[in-house]
């Protein structure tokens, strides 16, 4: 195969989920339970 321009930079060829998003979701979840 020839080198693919689609995968020349594998780090940007896919979407990366921000690891901080899990902490934010969990914190918001805790606030929901406190306020109900």
ModelCIF file with pLDDT and N, C-alpha, C, O atoms, coordinates in Angstrom:
data_MODEL
#
_entry.id   MODEL 
#
_entity.id                         1 
_entity.type                       polymer 
_entity.pdbx_number_of_molecules   1 
#
_entity_poly.entity_id                      1 
_entity_poly.type                           'polypeptide(L)' 
_entity_poly.nstd_linkage                   no 
_entity_poly.nstd_monomer                   no 
_entity_poly.pdbx_seq_one_letter_code       
;(UNK)(UNK)(UNK)(UNK)(UNK)(UNK)(UNK)(UNK)(UNK)(UNK)(UNK)(UNK)(UNK)(UNK)(UNK)(UNK)
(UNK)(UNK)(UNK)(UNK)(UNK)(UNK)(UNK)(UNK)(UNK)(UNK)(UNK)(UNK)(UNK)(UNK)(UNK)(UNK)
(UNK)(UNK)(UNK)(UNK)
;
_entity_poly.pdbx_seq_one_letter_code_can   XXXXXXXXXXXXXXXXXXXXXXXXXXXXXXXXXXXX 
_entity_poly.pdbx_strand_id                 A 
#
loop_
_entity_poly_seq.entity_id 
_entity_poly_seq.num 
_entity_poly_seq.mon_id 
_entity_poly_seq.hetero 
1 1  UNK n 
1 2  UNK n 
1 3  UNK n 
1 4  UNK n 
1 5  UNK n 
1 6  UNK n 
1 7  UNK n 
1 8  UNK n 
1 9  UNK n 
1 10 UNK n 
1 11 UNK n 
1 12 UNK n 
1 13 UNK n 
1 14 UNK n 
1 15 UNK n 
1 16 UNK n 
1 17 UNK n 
1 18 UNK n 
1 19 UNK n 
1 20 UNK n 
1 21 UNK n 
1 22 UNK n 
1 23 UNK n 
1 24 UNK n 
1 25 UNK n 
1 26 UNK n 
1 27 UNK n 
1 28 UNK n 
1 29 UNK n 
1 30 UNK n 
1 31 UNK n 
1 32 UNK n 
1 33 UNK n 
1 34 UNK n 
1 35 UNK n 
1 36 UNK n 
#
_struct_asym.id          A 
_struct_asym.entity_id   1 
#
loop_
_ma_qa_metric.id 
_ma_qa_metric.mode 
_ma_qa_metric.name 
_ma_qa_metric.software_group_id 
_ma_qa_metric.type 
1 global pLDDT . pLDDT 
2 local  pLDDT . pLDDT 
#
_ma_qa_metric_global.metric_id      1 
_ma_qa_metric_global.metric_value   88.19 
_ma_qa_metric_global.model_id       1 
_ma_qa_metric_global.ordinal_id     1 
#
loop_
_ma_qa_metric_local.label_asym_id 
_ma_qa_metric_local.label_comp_id 
_ma_qa_metric_local.label_seq_id 
_ma_qa_metric_local.metric_id 
_ma_qa_metric_local.metric_value 
_ma_qa_metric_local.model_id 
_ma_qa_metric_local.ordinal_id 
A UNK 1  2 92.00 1 1  
A UNK 2  2 92.00 1 2  
A UNK 3  2 90.00 1 3  
A UNK 4  2 89.00 1 4  
A UNK 5  2 91.00 1 5  
A UNK 6  2 90.00 1 6  
A UNK 7  2 87.00 1 7  
A UNK 8  2 85.00 1 8  
A UNK 9  2 83.00 1 9  
A UNK 10 2 77.00 1 10 
A UNK 11 2 75.00 1 11 
A UNK 12 2 82.00 1 12 
A UNK 13 2 83.00 1 13 
A UNK 14 2 81.00 1 14 
A UNK 15 2 78.00 1 15 
A UNK 16 2 74.00 1 16 
A UNK 17 2 72.00 1 17 
A UNK 18 2 77.00 1 18 
A UNK 19 2 77.00 1 19 
A UNK 20 2 84.00 1 20 
A UNK 21 2 89.00 1 21 
A UNK 22 2 90.00 1 22 
A UNK 23 2 92.00 1 23 
A UNK 24 2 94.00 1 24 
A UNK 25 2 95.00 1 25 
A UNK 26 2 95.00 1 26 
A UNK 27 2 95.00 1 27 
A UNK 28 2 96.00 1 28 
A UNK 29 2 96.00 1 29 
A UNK 30 2 96.00 1 30 
A UNK 31 2 97.00 1 31 
A UNK 32 2 97.00 1 32 
A UNK 33 2 96.00 1 33 
A UNK 34 2 96.00 1 34 
A UNK 35 2 96.00 1 35 
A UNK 36 2 96.00 1 36 
#
loop_
_atom_site.group_PDB 
_atom_site.id 
_atom_site.type_symbol 
_atom_site.label_atom_id 
_atom_site.label_alt_id 
_atom_site.label_comp_id 
_atom_site.label_asym_id 
_atom_site.label_entity_id 
_atom_site.label_seq_id 
_atom_site.pdbx_PDB_ins_code 
_atom_site.Cartn_x 
_atom_site.Cartn_y 
_atom_site.Cartn_z 
_atom_site.occupancy 
_atom_site.B_iso_or_equiv 
_atom_site.pdbx_formal_charge 
_atom_site.auth_seq_id 
_atom_site.auth_comp_id 
_atom_site.auth_asym_id 
_atom_site.auth_atom_id 
_atom_site.pdbx_PDB_model_num 
ATOM 1   N N  . UNK A 1 1  ? 0.820   -1.208 0.000  1.00 92.00 ? 1  UNK A N  1 
ATOM 2   C CA . UNK A 1 1  ? 0.000   0.000  0.000  1.00 92.00 ? 1  UNK A CA 1 
ATOM 3   C C  . UNK A 1 1  ? 0.853   1.256  0.000  1.00 92.00 ? 1  UNK A C  1 
ATOM 4   O O  . UNK A 1 1  ? 1.990   1.258  0.472  1.00 92.00 ? 1  UNK A O  1 
ATOM 5   N N  . UNK A 1 2  ? 0.287   2.309  -0.533 1.00 92.00 ? 2  UNK A N  1 
ATOM 6   C CA . UNK A 1 2  ? 0.886   3.633  -0.410 1.00 92.00 ? 2  UNK A CA 1 
ATOM 7   C C  . UNK A 1 2  ? 0.514   4.214  0.954  1.00 92.00 ? 2  UNK A C  1 
ATOM 8   O O  . UNK A 1 2  ? -0.513  3.842  1.521  1.00 92.00 ? 2  UNK A O  1 
ATOM 9   N N  . UNK A 1 3  ? 1.324   5.108  1.480  1.00 90.00 ? 3  UNK A N  1 
ATOM 10  C CA . UNK A 1 3  ? 0.945   5.773  2.735  1.00 90.00 ? 3  UNK A CA 1 
ATOM 11  C C  . UNK A 1 3  ? -0.374  6.517  2.564  1.00 90.00 ? 3  UNK A C  1 
ATOM 12  O O  . UNK A 1 3  ? -0.587  7.192  1.556  1.00 90.00 ? 3  UNK A O  1 
ATOM 13  N N  . UNK A 1 4  ? -1.240  6.394  3.533  1.00 89.00 ? 4  UNK A N  1 
ATOM 14  C CA . UNK A 1 4  ? -2.560  7.006  3.431  1.00 89.00 ? 4  UNK A CA 1 
ATOM 15  C C  . UNK A 1 4  ? -2.574  8.383  4.074  1.00 89.00 ? 4  UNK A C  1 
ATOM 16  O O  . UNK A 1 4  ? -2.189  8.523  5.235  1.00 89.00 ? 4  UNK A O  1 
ATOM 17  N N  . UNK A 1 5  ? -3.012  9.409  3.340  1.00 91.00 ? 5  UNK A N  1 
ATOM 18  C CA . UNK A 1 5  ? -3.120  10.737 3.966  1.00 91.00 ? 5  UNK A CA 1 
ATOM 19  C C  . UNK A 1 5  ? -4.207  10.781 5.037  1.00 91.00 ? 5  UNK A C  1 
ATOM 20  O O  . UNK A 1 5  ? -4.195  11.656 5.902  1.00 91.00 ? 5  UNK A O  1 
ATOM 21  N N  . UNK A 1 6  ? -5.149  9.832  4.977  1.00 90.00 ? 6  UNK A N  1 
ATOM 22  C CA . UNK A 1 6  ? -6.215  9.804  5.978  1.00 90.00 ? 6  UNK A CA 1 
ATOM 23  C C  . UNK A 1 6  ? -5.689  9.412  7.355  1.00 90.00 ? 6  UNK A C  1 
ATOM 24  O O  . UNK A 1 6  ? -6.246  9.812  8.378  1.00 90.00 ? 6  UNK A O  1 
ATOM 25  N N  . UNK A 1 7  ? -4.624  8.635  7.373  1.00 87.00 ? 7  UNK A N  1 
ATOM 26  C CA . UNK A 1 7  ? -4.094  8.146  8.650  1.00 87.00 ? 7  UNK A CA 1 
ATOM 27  C C  . UNK A 1 7  ? -2.661  8.603  8.892  1.00 87.00 ? 7  UNK A C  1 
ATOM 28  O O  . UNK A 1 7  ? -1.941  8.013  9.697  1.00 87.00 ? 7  UNK A O  1 
ATOM 29  N N  . UNK A 1 8  ? -2.256  9.643  8.200  1.00 85.00 ? 8  UNK A N  1 
ATOM 30  C CA . UNK A 1 8  ? -0.883  10.127 8.365  1.00 85.00 ? 8  UNK A CA 1 
ATOM 31  C C  . UNK A 1 8  ? -0.633  10.565 9.807  1.00 85.00 ? 8  UNK A C  1 
ATOM 32  O O  . UNK A 1 8  ? 0.465   10.393 10.336 1.00 85.00 ? 8  UNK A O  1 
ATOM 33  N N  . UNK A 1 9  ? -1.649  11.125 10.427 1.00 83.00 ? 9  UNK A N  1 
ATOM 34  C CA . UNK A 1 9  ? -1.566  11.513 11.844 1.00 83.00 ? 9  UNK A CA 1 
ATOM 35  C C  . UNK A 1 9  ? -2.667  10.758 12.572 1.00 83.00 ? 9  UNK A C  1 
ATOM 36  O O  . UNK A 1 9  ? -3.807  11.219 12.633 1.00 83.00 ? 9  UNK A O  1 
ATOM 37  N N  . UNK A 1 10 ? -2.330  9.609  13.121 1.00 77.00 ? 10 UNK A N  1 
ATOM 38  C CA . UNK A 1 10 ? -3.342  8.767  13.753 1.00 77.00 ? 10 UNK A CA 1 
ATOM 39  C C  . UNK A 1 10 ? -3.987  9.435  14.964 1.00 77.00 ? 10 UNK A C  1 
ATOM 40  O O  . UNK A 1 10 ? -5.135  9.144  15.298 1.00 77.00 ? 10 UNK A O  1 
ATOM 41  N N  . UNK A 1 11 ? -3.255  10.324 15.615 1.00 75.00 ? 11 UNK A N  1 
ATOM 42  C CA . UNK A 1 11 ? -3.814  10.971 16.796 1.00 75.00 ? 11 UNK A CA 1 
ATOM 43  C C  . UNK A 1 11 ? -4.972  11.897 16.448 1.00 75.00 ? 11 UNK A C  1 
ATOM 44  O O  . UNK A 1 11 ? -5.833  12.160 17.288 1.00 75.00 ? 11 UNK A O  1 
ATOM 45  N N  . UNK A 1 12 ? -4.997  12.398 15.202 1.00 82.00 ? 12 UNK A N  1 
ATOM 46  C CA . UNK A 1 12 ? -6.096  13.288 14.801 1.00 82.00 ? 12 UNK A CA 1 
ATOM 47  C C  . UNK A 1 12 ? -7.076  12.596 13.856 1.00 82.00 ? 12 UNK A C  1 
ATOM 48  O O  . UNK A 1 12 ? -8.054  13.212 13.433 1.00 82.00 ? 12 UNK A O  1 
ATOM 49  N N  . UNK A 1 13 ? -6.831  11.319 13.515 1.00 83.00 ? 13 UNK A N  1 
ATOM 50  C CA . UNK A 1 13 ? -7.708  10.601 12.587 1.00 83.00 ? 13 UNK A CA 1 
ATOM 51  C C  . UNK A 1 13 ? -8.953  10.058 13.256 1.00 83.00 ? 13 UNK A C  1 
ATOM 52  O O  . UNK A 1 13 ? -9.849  9.543  12.587 1.00 83.00 ? 13 UNK A O  1 
ATOM 53  N N  . UNK A 1 14 ? -9.014  10.170 14.569 1.00 81.00 ? 14 UNK A N  1 
ATOM 54  C CA . UNK A 1 14 ? -10.185 9.738  15.326 1.00 81.00 ? 14 UNK A CA 1 
ATOM 55  C C  . UNK A 1 14 ? -10.499 10.797 16.374 1.00 81.00 ? 14 UNK A C  1 
ATOM 56  O O  . UNK A 1 14 ? -9.694  11.690 16.637 1.00 81.00 ? 14 UNK A O  1 
ATOM 57  N N  . UNK A 1 15 ? -11.669 10.684 16.957 1.00 78.00 ? 15 UNK A N  1 
ATOM 58  C CA . UNK A 1 15 ? -12.076 11.624 17.999 1.00 78.00 ? 15 UNK A CA 1 
ATOM 59  C C  . UNK A 1 15 ? -11.571 11.139 19.356 1.00 78.00 ? 15 UNK A C  1 
ATOM 60  O O  . UNK A 1 15 ? -11.659 9.952  19.670 1.00 78.00 ? 15 UNK A O  1 
ATOM 61  N N  . UNK A 1 16 ? -11.050 12.045 20.142 1.00 74.00 ? 16 UNK A N  1 
ATOM 62  C CA . UNK A 1 16 ? -10.589 11.722 21.484 1.00 74.00 ? 16 UNK A CA 1 
ATOM 63  C C  . UNK A 1 16 ? -11.583 12.254 22.503 1.00 74.00 ? 16 UNK A C  1 
ATOM 64  O O  . UNK A 1 16 ? -11.934 13.433 22.465 1.00 74.00 ? 16 UNK A O  1 
ATOM 65  N N  . UNK A 1 17 ? -12.041 11.406 23.412 1.00 72.00 ? 17 UNK A N  1 
ATOM 66  C CA . UNK A 1 17 ? -12.937 11.835 24.471 1.00 72.00 ? 17 UNK A CA 1 
ATOM 67  C C  . UNK A 1 17 ? -12.110 12.448 25.597 1.00 72.00 ? 17 UNK A C  1 
ATOM 68  O O  . UNK A 1 17 ? -11.158 11.837 26.081 1.00 72.00 ? 17 UNK A O  1 
ATOM 69  N N  . UNK A 1 18 ? -12.472 13.632 26.000 1.00 77.00 ? 18 UNK A N  1 
ATOM 70  C CA . UNK A 1 18 ? -11.766 14.340 27.068 1.00 77.00 ? 18 UNK A CA 1 
ATOM 71  C C  . UNK A 1 18 ? -11.913 13.544 28.371 1.00 77.00 ? 18 UNK A C  1 
ATOM 72  O O  . UNK A 1 18 ? -13.034 13.334 28.834 1.00 77.00 ? 18 UNK A O  1 
ATOM 73  N N  . UNK A 1 19 ? -10.801 13.098 28.967 1.00 77.00 ? 19 UNK A N  1 
ATOM 74  C CA . UNK A 1 19 ? -10.914 12.319 30.213 1.00 77.00 ? 19 UNK A CA 1 
ATOM 75  C C  . UNK A 1 19 ? -11.557 13.108 31.347 1.00 77.00 ? 19 UNK A C  1 
ATOM 76  O O  . UNK A 1 19 ? -12.081 12.513 32.288 1.00 77.00 ? 19 UNK A O  1 
ATOM 77  N N  . UNK A 1 20 ? -11.525 14.439 31.273 1.00 84.00 ? 20 UNK A N  1 
ATOM 78  C CA . UNK A 1 20 ? -12.158 15.249 32.315 1.00 84.00 ? 20 UNK A CA 1 
ATOM 79  C C  . UNK A 1 20 ? -13.678 15.191 32.242 1.00 84.00 ? 20 UNK A C  1 
ATOM 80  O O  . UNK A 1 20 ? -14.358 15.529 33.211 1.00 84.00 ? 20 UNK A O  1 
ATOM 81  N N  . UNK A 1 21 ? -14.227 14.757 31.080 1.00 89.00 ? 21 UNK A N  1 
ATOM 82  C CA . UNK A 1 21 ? -15.682 14.752 30.935 1.00 89.00 ? 21 UNK A CA 1 
ATOM 83  C C  . UNK A 1 21 ? -16.321 13.771 31.914 1.00 89.00 ? 21 UNK A C  1 
ATOM 84  O O  . UNK A 1 21 ? -17.418 14.025 32.410 1.00 89.00 ? 21 UNK A O  1 
ATOM 85  N N  . UNK A 1 22 ? -15.641 12.640 32.202 1.00 90.00 ? 22 UNK A N  1 
ATOM 86  C CA . UNK A 1 22 ? -16.203 11.690 33.152 1.00 90.00 ? 22 UNK A CA 1 
ATOM 87  C C  . UNK A 1 22 ? -16.295 12.306 34.544 1.00 90.00 ? 22 UNK A C  1 
ATOM 88  O O  . UNK A 1 22 ? -17.290 12.115 35.244 1.00 90.00 ? 22 UNK A O  1 
ATOM 89  N N  . UNK A 1 23 ? -15.272 13.038 34.944 1.00 92.00 ? 23 UNK A N  1 
ATOM 90  C CA . UNK A 1 23 ? -15.309 13.684 36.260 1.00 92.00 ? 23 UNK A CA 1 
ATOM 91  C C  . UNK A 1 23 ? -16.420 14.730 36.323 1.00 92.00 ? 23 UNK A C  1 
ATOM 92  O O  . UNK A 1 23 ? -17.087 14.876 37.347 1.00 92.00 ? 23 UNK A O  1 
ATOM 93  N N  . UNK A 1 24 ? -16.613 15.458 35.218 1.00 94.00 ? 24 UNK A N  1 
ATOM 94  C CA . UNK A 1 24 ? -17.659 16.477 35.189 1.00 94.00 ? 24 UNK A CA 1 
ATOM 95  C C  . UNK A 1 24 ? -19.042 15.845 35.274 1.00 94.00 ? 24 UNK A C  1 
ATOM 96  O O  . UNK A 1 24 ? -19.913 16.339 35.989 1.00 94.00 ? 24 UNK A O  1 
ATOM 97  N N  . UNK A 1 25 ? -19.244 14.741 34.536 1.00 95.00 ? 25 UNK A N  1 
ATOM 98  C CA . UNK A 1 25 ? -20.530 14.051 34.564 1.00 95.00 ? 25 UNK A CA 1 
ATOM 99  C C  . UNK A 1 25 ? -20.809 13.523 35.973 1.00 95.00 ? 25 UNK A C  1 
ATOM 100 O O  . UNK A 1 25 ? -21.918 13.662 36.487 1.00 95.00 ? 25 UNK A O  1 
ATOM 101 N N  . UNK A 1 26 ? -19.794 12.919 36.588 1.00 95.00 ? 26 UNK A N  1 
ATOM 102 C CA . UNK A 1 26 ? -19.971 12.352 37.925 1.00 95.00 ? 26 UNK A CA 1 
ATOM 103 C C  . UNK A 1 26 ? -20.272 13.441 38.955 1.00 95.00 ? 26 UNK A C  1 
ATOM 104 O O  . UNK A 1 26 ? -21.096 13.243 39.848 1.00 95.00 ? 26 UNK A O  1 
ATOM 105 N N  . UNK A 1 27 ? -19.603 14.591 38.829 1.00 95.00 ? 27 UNK A N  1 
ATOM 106 C CA . UNK A 1 27 ? -19.854 15.689 39.762 1.00 95.00 ? 27 UNK A CA 1 
ATOM 107 C C  . UNK A 1 27 ? -21.273 16.229 39.603 1.00 95.00 ? 27 UNK A C  1 
ATOM 108 O O  . UNK A 1 27 ? -21.956 16.499 40.590 1.00 95.00 ? 27 UNK A O  1 
ATOM 109 N N  . UNK A 1 28 ? -21.715 16.386 38.339 1.00 96.00 ? 28 UNK A N  1 
ATOM 110 C CA . UNK A 1 28 ? -23.073 16.879 38.096 1.00 96.00 ? 28 UNK A CA 1 
ATOM 111 C C  . UNK A 1 28 ? -24.108 15.883 38.599 1.00 96.00 ? 28 UNK A C  1 
ATOM 112 O O  . UNK A 1 28 ? -25.167 16.270 39.092 1.00 96.00 ? 28 UNK A O  1 
ATOM 113 N N  . UNK A 1 29 ? -23.793 14.601 38.470 1.00 96.00 ? 29 UNK A N  1 
ATOM 114 C CA . UNK A 1 29 ? -24.693 13.560 38.956 1.00 96.00 ? 29 UNK A CA 1 
ATOM 115 C C  . UNK A 1 29 ? -24.861 13.674 40.476 1.00 96.00 ? 29 UNK A C  1 
ATOM 116 O O  . UNK A 1 29 ? -25.971 13.549 40.993 1.00 96.00 ? 29 UNK A O  1 
ATOM 117 N N  . UNK A 1 30 ? -23.768 13.908 41.175 1.00 96.00 ? 30 UNK A N  1 
ATOM 118 C CA . UNK A 1 30 ? -23.843 14.068 42.623 1.00 96.00 ? 30 UNK A CA 1 
ATOM 119 C C  . UNK A 1 30 ? -24.705 15.253 43.027 1.00 96.00 ? 30 UNK A C  1 
ATOM 120 O O  . UNK A 1 30 ? -25.447 15.187 44.007 1.00 96.00 ? 30 UNK A O  1 
ATOM 121 N N  . UNK A 1 31 ? -24.604 16.345 42.261 1.00 97.00 ? 31 UNK A N  1 
ATOM 122 C CA . UNK A 1 31 ? -25.414 17.529 42.569 1.00 97.00 ? 31 UNK A CA 1 
ATOM 123 C C  . UNK A 1 31 ? -26.902 17.241 42.357 1.00 97.00 ? 31 UNK A C  1 
ATOM 124 O O  . UNK A 1 31 ? -27.743 17.705 43.127 1.00 97.00 ? 31 UNK A O  1 
ATOM 125 N N  . UNK A 1 32 ? -27.227 16.469 41.303 1.00 97.00 ? 32 UNK A N  1 
ATOM 126 C CA . UNK A 1 32 ? -28.627 16.101 41.056 1.00 97.00 ? 32 UNK A CA 1 
ATOM 127 C C  . UNK A 1 32 ? -29.204 15.363 42.260 1.00 97.00 ? 32 UNK A C  1 
ATOM 128 O O  . UNK A 1 32 ? -30.317 15.650 42.701 1.00 97.00 ? 32 UNK A O  1 
ATOM 129 N N  . UNK A 1 33 ? -28.443 14.418 42.782 1.00 96.00 ? 33 UNK A N  1 
ATOM 130 C CA . UNK A 1 33 ? -28.954 13.605 43.882 1.00 96.00 ? 33 UNK A CA 1 
ATOM 131 C C  . UNK A 1 33 ? -29.089 14.439 45.170 1.00 96.00 ? 33 UNK A C  1 
ATOM 132 O O  . UNK A 1 33 ? -29.980 14.197 45.984 1.00 96.00 ? 33 UNK A O  1 
ATOM 133 N N  . UNK A 1 34 ? -28.203 15.411 45.336 1.00 96.00 ? 34 UNK A N  1 
ATOM 134 C CA . UNK A 1 34 ? -28.275 16.262 46.523 1.00 96.00 ? 34 UNK A CA 1 
ATOM 135 C C  . UNK A 1 34 ? -29.506 17.167 46.501 1.00 96.00 ? 34 UNK A C  1 
ATOM 136 O O  . UNK A 1 34 ? -30.080 17.463 47.549 1.00 96.00 ? 34 UNK A O  1 
ATOM 137 N N  . UNK A 1 35 ? -29.911 17.607 45.309 1.00 96.00 ? 35 UNK A N  1 
ATOM 138 C CA . UNK A 1 35 ? -30.963 18.612 45.197 1.00 96.00 ? 35 UNK A CA 1 
ATOM 139 C C  . UNK A 1 35 ? -32.367 18.023 45.064 1.00 96.00 ? 35 UNK A C  1 
ATOM 140 O O  . UNK A 1 35 ? -33.350 18.751 45.204 1.00 96.00 ? 35 UNK A O  1 
ATOM 141 N N  . UNK A 1 36 ? -32.480 16.729 44.799 1.00 96.00 ? 36 UNK A N  1 
ATOM 142 C CA . UNK A 1 36 ? -33.804 16.149 44.590 1.00 96.00 ? 36 UNK A CA 1 
ATOM 143 C C  . UNK A 1 36 ? -34.524 15.951 45.932 1.00 96.00 ? 36 UNK A C  1 
ATOM 144 O O  . UNK A 1 36 ? -35.657 15.472 45.959 1.00 96.00 ? 36 UNK A O  1 
#
